[in-house]
Amino acid sequence: MRYLNFAELLAINWQIAAMRQMPYGILTRSAVEEALARPQTRIDDYEPFASVFEKAAVLLDSLMKSRPFLSGNILTALLAADVMLRLNGVCLKTQEEDLEQLQSISLLQMTIPQIADWLQMRSDAQTANSL
């Protein structure tokens, strides 16, 4: 399993901020670090987030709720989940309408399993079935 690192996540946020001409920077470094660590959670031999979709979902959820950047938090969260999935062989096929669903996540209206299902439904079926 390949996870995003701190520098990669910062680069994602920087690209979004630059593209949209928004301010760039971190509000809370610990929130970024916690969001990156959460998909890797293990308790002895138990992984609460076992599938690649659950891992991407918990990353997206953590970034959406903590809003650790000056700007672009929602798009950074989605792109971070997308990049993590791509690094692990899964391609997302999202559309502009999906941003409404992302608002539900940021308003605490979706659980991790619901987010994981949402990501899986928007993934390339061939790669999703093999994970």
Foldseek 3Di string as FASTA:
>chain_A
DDFDDPVRLLVLQVVVCVVVVHDWDWQDPVLLVCLRCLLVDDDVPDRPQPDLLLSLLSSLLSQLQVVGIPDDSNVSSVVNSQVSVVVVPKHFADDPVCVVVSVCSSVVNDDSVRSSVVRLVRIDVVRSVVD
